[in-house]
PDB file of all heavy atoms in Angstrom:
ATOM      1  N   PHE A   1       0.836  -1.241   0.021  1.00  0.00           N
ATOM      2  CA  PHE A   1      -0.002  -0.002   0.007  1.00  0.00           C
ATOM      3  C   PHE A   1       0.854   1.238   0.007  1.00  0.00           C
ATOM      4  O   PHE A   1       2.009   1.253   0.542  1.00  0.00           O
ATOM      5  CB  PHE A   1      -0.898   0.048   1.280  1.00  0.00           C
ATOM      6  CG  PHE A   1      -1.882  -1.067   1.335  1.00  0.00           C
ATOM      7  CD1 PHE A   1      -1.598  -2.245   1.956  1.00  0.00           C
ATOM      8  CD2 PHE A   1      -3.138  -0.916   0.726  1.00  0.00           C
ATOM      9  CE1 PHE A   1      -2.505  -3.283   2.039  1.00  0.00           C
ATOM     10  CE2 PHE A   1      -4.051  -1.932   0.790  1.00  0.00           C
ATOM     11  CZ  PHE A   1      -3.758  -3.120   1.446  1.00  0.00           C
ATOM     12  N   GLN A   2       0.382   2.329  -0.620  1.00  0.00           N
ATOM     13  CA  GLN A   2       1.109   3.595  -0.615  1.00  0.00           C
ATOM     14  C   GLN A   2       0.103   4.719  -0.414  1.00  0.00           C
ATOM     15  O   GLN A   2      -1.043   4.620  -0.879  1.00  0.00           O
ATOM     16  CB  GLN A   2       1.781   3.819  -1.994  1.00  0.00           C
ATOM     17  CG  GLN A   2       2.887   2.838  -2.286  1.00  0.00           C
ATOM     18  CD  GLN A   2       3.478   3.105  -3.670  1.00  0.00           C
ATOM     19  OE1 GLN A   2       3.062   3.968  -4.399  1.00  0.00           O
ATOM     20  NE2 GLN A   2       4.478   2.285  -4.023  1.00  0.00           N
ATOM     21  N   VAL A   3       0.600   5.719   0.253  1.00  0.00           N
ATOM     22  CA  VAL A   3      -0.150   7.009   0.421  1.00  0.00           C
ATOM     23  C   VAL A   3       0.838   8.141   0.070  1.00  0.00           C
ATOM     24  O   VAL A   3       2.018   7.988   0.311  1.00  0.00           O
ATOM     25  CB  VAL A   3      -0.784   7.222   1.783  1.00  0.00           C
ATOM     26  CG1 VAL A   3      -1.861   6.211   2.063  1.00  0.00           C
ATOM     27  CG2 VAL A   3       0.273   7.235   2.884  1.00  0.00           C
ATOM     28  N   THR A   4       0.357   9.269  -0.450  1.00  0.00           N
ATOM     29  CA  THR A   4       1.160  10.359  -0.859  1.00  0.00           C
ATOM     30  C   THR A   4       0.540  11.628  -0.331  1.00  0.00           C
ATOM     31  O   THR A   4      -0.644  11.876  -0.491  1.00  0.00           O
ATOM     32  CB  THR A   4       1.367  10.449  -2.368  1.00  0.00           C
ATOM     33  OG1 THR A   4       1.911   9.209  -2.815  1.00  0.00           O
ATOM     34  CG2 THR A   4       2.203  11.613  -2.785  1.00  0.00           C
ATOM     35  N   ARG A   5       1.373  12.489   0.240  1.00  0.00           N
ATOM     36  CA  ARG A   5       0.952  13.814   0.713  1.00  0.00           C
ATOM     37  C   ARG A   5       1.706  14.851  -0.150  1.00  0.00           C
ATOM     38  O   ARG A   5       2.856  14.795  -0.343  1.00  0.00           O
ATOM     39  CB  ARG A   5       1.324  14.022   2.164  1.00  0.00           C
ATOM     40  CG  ARG A   5       1.002  15.394   2.745  1.00  0.00           C
ATOM     41  CD  ARG A   5      -0.462  15.463   3.054  1.00  0.00           C
ATOM     42  NE  ARG A   5      -0.848  16.860   3.321  1.00  0.00           N
ATOM     43  CZ  ARG A   5      -1.859  17.206   4.103  1.00  0.00           C
ATOM     44  NH1 ARG A   5      -2.593  16.283   4.717  1.00  0.00           N
ATOM     45  NH2 ARG A   5      -2.190  18.480   4.271  1.00  0.00           N
ATOM     46  N   GLU A   6       0.955  15.811  -0.654  1.00  0.00           N
ATOM     47  CA  GLU A   6       1.486  16.880  -1.456  1.00  0.00           C
ATOM     48  C   GLU A   6       1.677  18.106  -0.557  1.00  0.00           C
ATOM     49  O   GLU A   6       0.764  18.505   0.187  1.00  0.00           O
ATOM     50  CB  GLU A   6       0.544  17.231  -2.590  1.00  0.00           C
ATOM     51  CG  GLU A   6       1.060  18.270  -3.555  1.00  0.00           C
ATOM     52  CD  GLU A   6       0.156  18.363  -4.799  1.00  0.00           C
ATOM     53  OE1 GLU A   6      -0.389  17.372  -5.216  1.00  0.00           O
ATOM     54  OE2 GLU A   6       0.051  19.511  -5.289  1.00  0.00           O
ATOM     55  N   ILE A   7       2.864  18.735  -0.662  1.00  0.00           N
ATOM     56  CA  ILE A   7       3.183  19.900   0.222  1.00  0.00           C
ATOM     57  C   ILE A   7       3.774  20.990  -0.723  1.00  0.00           C
ATOM     58  O   ILE A   7       4.675  20.733  -1.521  1.00  0.00           O
ATOM     59  CB  ILE A   7       4.245  19.480   1.315  1.00  0.00           C
ATOM     60  CG1 ILE A   7       3.672  18.418   2.175  1.00  0.00           C
ATOM     61  CG2 ILE A   7       4.633  20.723   2.093  1.00  0.00           C
ATOM     62  CD1 ILE A   7       4.646  17.827   3.116  1.00  0.00           C
ATOM     63  N   HIS A   8       3.259  22.189  -0.611  1.00  0.00           N
ATOM     64  CA  HIS A   8       3.729  23.317  -1.399  1.00  0.00           C
ATOM     65  C   HIS A   8       4.501  24.276  -0.475  1.00  0.00           C
ATOM     66  O   HIS A   8       4.174  24.476   0.693  1.00  0.00           O
ATOM     67  CB  HIS A   8       2.538  24.092  -1.962  1.00  0.00           C
ATOM     68  CG  HIS A   8       1.765  23.275  -2.952  1.00  0.00           C
ATOM     69  ND1 HIS A   8       1.919  23.455  -4.351  1.00  0.00           N
ATOM     70  CD2 HIS A   8       0.842  22.272  -2.808  1.00  0.00           C
ATOM     71  CE1 HIS A   8       1.136  22.622  -4.948  1.00  0.00           C
ATOM     72  NE2 HIS A   8       0.479  21.862  -4.063  1.00  0.00           N
ATOM     73  N   PHE A   9       5.572  24.829  -1.033  1.00  0.00           N
ATOM     74  CA  PHE A   9       6.349  25.827  -0.289  1.00  0.00           C
ATOM     75  C   PHE A   9       7.155  26.685  -1.267  1.00  0.00           C
ATOM     76  O   PHE A   9       7.327  26.280  -2.440  1.00  0.00           O
ATOM     77  CB  PHE A   9       7.269  25.187   0.754  1.00  0.00           C
ATOM     78  CG  PHE A   9       8.380  24.300   0.203  1.00  0.00           C
ATOM     79  CD1 PHE A   9       9.694  24.717   0.170  1.00  0.00           C
ATOM     80  CD2 PHE A   9       8.034  23.014  -0.270  1.00  0.00           C
ATOM     81  CE1 PHE A   9      10.673  23.899  -0.375  1.00  0.00           C
ATOM     82  CE2 PHE A   9       9.062  22.220  -0.744  1.00  0.00           C
ATOM     83  CZ  PHE A   9      10.348  22.610  -0.821  1.00  0.00           C
ATOM     84  N   CYS A  10       7.525  27.864  -0.834  1.00  0.00           N
ATOM     85  CA  CYS A  10       8.275  28.769  -1.660  1.00  0.00           C
ATOM     86  C   CYS A  10       9.704  28.845  -1.108  1.00  0.00           C
ATOM     87  O   CYS A  10       9.893  28.866   0.101  1.00  0.00           O
ATOM     88  CB  CYS A  10       7.705  30.165  -1.610  1.00  0.00           C
ATOM     89  SG  CYS A  10       6.017  30.203  -2.271  1.00  0.00           S
ATOM     90  N   TYR A  11      10.686  28.908  -2.005  1.00  0.00           N
ATOM     91  CA  TYR A  11      12.066  29.022  -1.543  1.00  0.00           C
ATOM     92  C   TYR A  11      12.940  29.718  -2.602  1.00  0.00           C
ATOM     93  O   TYR A  11      12.550  29.783  -3.768  1.00  0.00           O
ATOM     94  CB  TYR A  11      12.665  27.672  -1.177  1.00  0.00           C
ATOM     95  CG  TYR A  11      12.804  26.727  -2.358  1.00  0.00           C
ATOM     96  CD1 TYR A  11      14.068  26.604  -3.029  1.00  0.00           C
ATOM     97  CD2 TYR A  11      11.783  25.975  -2.855  1.00  0.00           C
ATOM     98  CE1 TYR A  11      14.239  25.774  -4.107  1.00  0.00           C
ATOM     99  CE2 TYR A  11      11.913  25.115  -3.893  1.00  0.00           C
ATOM    100  CZ  TYR A  11      13.150  25.029  -4.539  1.00  0.00           C
ATOM    101  OH  TYR A  11      13.304  24.157  -5.588  1.00  0.00           O
ATOM    102  N   GLY A  12      14.059  30.244  -2.204  1.00  0.00           N
ATOM    103  CA  GLY A  12      15.034  30.778  -3.099  1.00  0.00           C
ATOM    104  C   GLY A  12      16.322  29.908  -2.965  1.00  0.00           C
ATOM    105  O   GLY A  12      16.542  29.297  -2.002  1.00  0.00           O
ATOM    106  N   HIS A  13      17.092  29.991  -4.010  1.00  0.00           N
ATOM    107  CA  HIS A  13      18.407  29.328  -3.996  1.00  0.00           C
ATOM    108  C   HIS A  13      19.242  29.776  -5.134  1.00  0.00           C
ATOM    109  O   HIS A  13      18.864  30.648  -5.955  1.00  0.00           O
ATOM    110  CB  HIS A  13      18.217  27.797  -4.023  1.00  0.00           C
ATOM    111  CG  HIS A  13      17.850  27.216  -5.362  1.00  0.00           C
ATOM    112  ND1 HIS A  13      18.102  25.953  -5.743  1.00  0.00           N
ATOM    113  CD2 HIS A  13      17.211  27.778  -6.437  1.00  0.00           C
ATOM    114  CE1 HIS A  13      17.670  25.699  -6.949  1.00  0.00           C
ATOM    115  NE2 HIS A  13      17.125  26.776  -7.380  1.00  0.00           N
ATOM    116  N   ARG A  14      20.502  29.273  -5.193  1.00  0.00           N
ATOM    117  CA  ARG A  14      21.348  29.373  -6.365  1.00  0.00           C
ATOM    118  C   ARG A  14      22.263  28.272  -6.313  1.00  0.00           C
ATOM    119  O   ARG A  14      22.499  27.674  -5.257  1.00  0.00           O
ATOM    120  CB  ARG A  14      22.018  30.723  -6.468  1.00  0.00           C
ATOM    121  CG  ARG A  14      23.228  30.923  -5.544  1.00  0.00           C
ATOM    122  CD  ARG A  14      23.928  32.147  -5.970  1.00  0.00           C
ATOM    123  NE  ARG A  14      24.974  32.515  -5.025  1.00  0.00           N
ATOM    124  CZ  ARG A  14      25.704  33.566  -5.117  1.00  0.00           C
ATOM    125  NH1 ARG A  14      25.529  34.397  -6.134  1.00  0.00           N
ATOM    126  NH2 ARG A  14      26.655  33.827  -4.273  1.00  0.00           N
ATOM    127  N   LEU A  15      22.919  27.945  -7.471  1.00  0.00           N
ATOM    128  CA  LEU A  15      23.813  26.829  -7.539  1.00  0.00           C
ATOM    129  C   LEU A  15      25.209  27.335  -7.776  1.00  0.00           C
ATOM    130  O   LEU A  15      25.429  28.154  -8.729  1.00  0.00           O
ATOM    131  CB  LEU A  15      23.372  25.869  -8.654  1.00  0.00           C
ATOM    132  CG  LEU A  15      21.977  25.333  -8.569  1.00  0.00           C
ATOM    133  CD1 LEU A  15      21.667  24.401  -9.728  1.00  0.00           C
ATOM    134  CD2 LEU A  15      21.723  24.614  -7.250  1.00  0.00           C
ATOM    135  N   LEU A  16      26.101  26.927  -6.962  1.00  0.00           N
ATOM    136  CA  LEU A  16      27.554  27.296  -7.182  1.00  0.00           C
ATOM    137  C   LEU A  16      28.153  26.306  -8.177  1.00  0.00           C
ATOM    138  O   LEU A  16      27.663  25.183  -8.347  1.00  0.00           O
ATOM    139  CB  LEU A  16      28.303  27.193  -5.899  1.00  0.00           C
ATOM    140  CG  LEU A  16      27.858  28.168  -4.759  1.00  0.00           C
ATOM    141  CD1 LEU A  16      28.678  27.980  -3.504  1.00  0.00           C
ATOM    142  CD2 LEU A  16      27.839  29.628  -5.209  1.00  0.00           C
ATOM    143  N   ASP A  17      29.234  26.757  -8.832  1.00  0.00           N
ATOM    144  CA  ASP A  17      29.909  25.921  -9.830  1.00  0.00           C
ATOM    145  C   ASP A  17      29.002  25.456 -10.968  1.00  0.00           C
ATOM    146  O   ASP A  17      29.021  24.351 -11.412  1.00  0.00           O
ATOM    147  CB  ASP A  17      30.559  24.698  -9.127  1.00  0.00           C
ATOM    148  CG  ASP A  17      31.454  25.034  -8.030  1.00  0.00           C
ATOM    149  OD1 ASP A  17      32.204  26.025  -8.159  1.00  0.00           O
ATOM    150  OD2 ASP A  17      31.416  24.400  -6.950  1.00  0.00           O
ATOM    151  N   TYR A  18      28.122  26.407 -11.364  1.00  0.00           N
ATOM    152  CA  TYR A  18      27.141  26.096 -12.364  1.00  0.00           C
ATOM    153  C   TYR A  18      27.084  27.198 -13.348  1.00  0.00           C
ATOM    154  O   TYR A  18      27.188  28.406 -13.010  1.00  0.00           O
ATOM    155  CB  TYR A  18      25.761  25.938 -11.648  1.00  0.00           C
ATOM    156  CG  TYR A  18      24.634  25.639 -12.660  1.00  0.00           C
ATOM    157  CD1 TYR A  18      24.346  24.370 -13.076  1.00  0.00           C
ATOM    158  CD2 TYR A  18      23.825  26.674 -13.053  1.00  0.00           C
ATOM    159  CE1 TYR A  18      23.326  24.098 -13.925  1.00  0.00           C
ATOM    160  CE2 TYR A  18      22.754  26.420 -13.942  1.00  0.00           C
ATOM    161  CZ  TYR A  18      22.525  25.141 -14.370  1.00  0.00           C
ATOM    162  OH  TYR A  18      21.498  24.840 -15.245  1.00  0.00           O
ATOM    163  N   ARG A  19      26.968  26.907 -14.603  1.00  0.00           N
ATOM    164  CA  ARG A  19      26.757  27.969 -15.677  1.00  0.00           C
ATOM    165  C   ARG A  19      25.372  27.915 -16.140  1.00  0.00           C
ATOM    166  O   ARG A  19      24.842  26.935 -16.543  1.00  0.00           O
ATOM    167  CB  ARG A  19      27.716  27.627 -16.853  1.00  0.00           C
ATOM    168  CG  ARG A  19      29.173  27.819 -16.548  1.00  0.00           C
ATOM    169  CD  ARG A  19      29.949  27.642 -17.785  1.00  0.00           C
ATOM    170  NE  ARG A  19      31.360  27.787 -17.427  1.00  0.00           N
ATOM    171  CZ  ARG A  19      32.281  27.973 -18.312  1.00  0.00           C
ATOM    172  NH1 ARG A  19      32.023  27.950 -19.610  1.00  0.00           N
ATOM    173  NH2 ARG A  19      33.558  28.077 -17.994  1.00  0.00           N
ATOM    174  N   GLY A  20      24.706  29.044 -16.013  1.00  0.00           N
ATOM    175  CA  GLY A  20      23.320  29.130 -16.466  1.00  0.00           C
ATOM    176  C   GLY A  20      22.576  29.987 -15.447  1.00  0.00           C
ATOM    177  O   GLY A  20      23.089  30.506 -14.538  1.00  0.00           O
ATOM    178  N   LYS A  21      21.256  30.152 -15.721  1.00  0.00           N
ATOM    179  CA  LYS A  21      20.400  31.006 -14.925  1.00  0.00           C
ATOM    180  C   LYS A  21      20.411  30.620 -13.431  1.00  0.00           C
ATOM    181  O   LYS A  21      20.317  31.500 -12.587  1.00  0.00           O
ATOM    182  CB  LYS A  21      18.928  30.945 -15.453  1.00  0.00           C
ATOM    183  CG  LYS A  21      18.760  31.543 -16.777  1.00  0.00           C
ATOM    184  CD  LYS A  21      17.303  31.403 -17.216  1.00  0.00           C
ATOM    185  CE  LYS A  21      17.062  32.052 -18.565  1.00  0.00           C
ATOM    186  NZ  LYS A  21      15.614  31.965 -18.944  1.00  0.00           N
ATOM    187  N   CYS A  22      20.548  29.343 -13.105  1.00  0.00           N
ATOM    188  CA  CYS A  22      20.480  28.948 -11.705  1.00  0.00           C
ATOM    189  C   CYS A  22      21.727  29.299 -10.903  1.00  0.00           C
ATOM    190  O   CYS A  22      21.757  29.041  -9.703  1.00  0.00           O
ATOM    191  CB  CYS A  22      20.156  27.434 -11.603  1.00  0.00           C
ATOM    192  SG  CYS A  22      18.520  27.044 -12.130  1.00  0.00           S
ATOM    193  N   ALA A  23      22.702  29.923 -11.556  1.00  0.00           N
ATOM    194  CA  ALA A  23      23.903  30.390 -10.833  1.00  0.00           C
ATOM    195  C   ALA A  23      23.559  31.695 -10.069  1.00  0.00           C
ATOM    196  O   ALA A  23      24.376  32.152  -9.252  1.00  0.00           O
ATOM    197  CB  ALA A  23      25.028  30.598 -11.849  1.00  0.00           C
ATOM    198  N   HIS A  24      22.400  32.272 -10.382  1.00  0.00           N
ATOM    199  CA  HIS A  24      22.051  33.529  -9.774  1.00  0.00           C
ATOM    200  C   HIS A  24      20.892  33.304  -8.764  1.00  0.00           C
ATOM    201  O   HIS A  24      20.106  32.350  -8.910  1.00  0.00           O
ATOM    202  CB  HIS A  24      21.518  34.514 -10.844  1.00  0.00           C
ATOM    203  CG  HIS A  24      22.506  34.729 -11.908  1.00  0.00           C
ATOM    204  ND1 HIS A  24      23.660  35.447 -11.731  1.00  0.00           N
ATOM    205  CD2 HIS A  24      22.556  34.228 -13.144  1.00  0.00           C
ATOM    206  CE1 HIS A  24      24.368  35.461 -12.885  1.00  0.00           C
ATOM    207  NE2 HIS A  24      23.718  34.692 -13.740  1.00  0.00           N
ATOM    208  N   LEU A  25      20.836  34.139  -7.726  1.00  0.00           N
ATOM    209  CA  LEU A  25      19.799  34.018  -6.720  1.00  0.00           C
ATOM    210  C   LEU A  25      18.411  34.145  -7.416  1.00  0.00           C
ATOM    211  O   LEU A  25      18.207  35.056  -8.211  1.00  0.00           O
ATOM    212  CB  LEU A  25      19.949  35.099  -5.711  1.00  0.00           C
ATOM    213  CG  LEU A  25      21.197  35.063  -4.802  1.00  0.00           C
ATOM    214  CD1 LEU A  25      21.286  36.320  -3.966  1.00  0.00           C
ATOM    215  CD2 LEU A  25      21.232  33.801  -3.969  1.00  0.00           C
TER     216      LEU A  25
END
């Protein structure tokens, strides 16, 4: 059997050592 709960949240981040949009906050 399986059950799943969906959870929504907002967050900010950025990725180091990455080239592209996600390198920025």
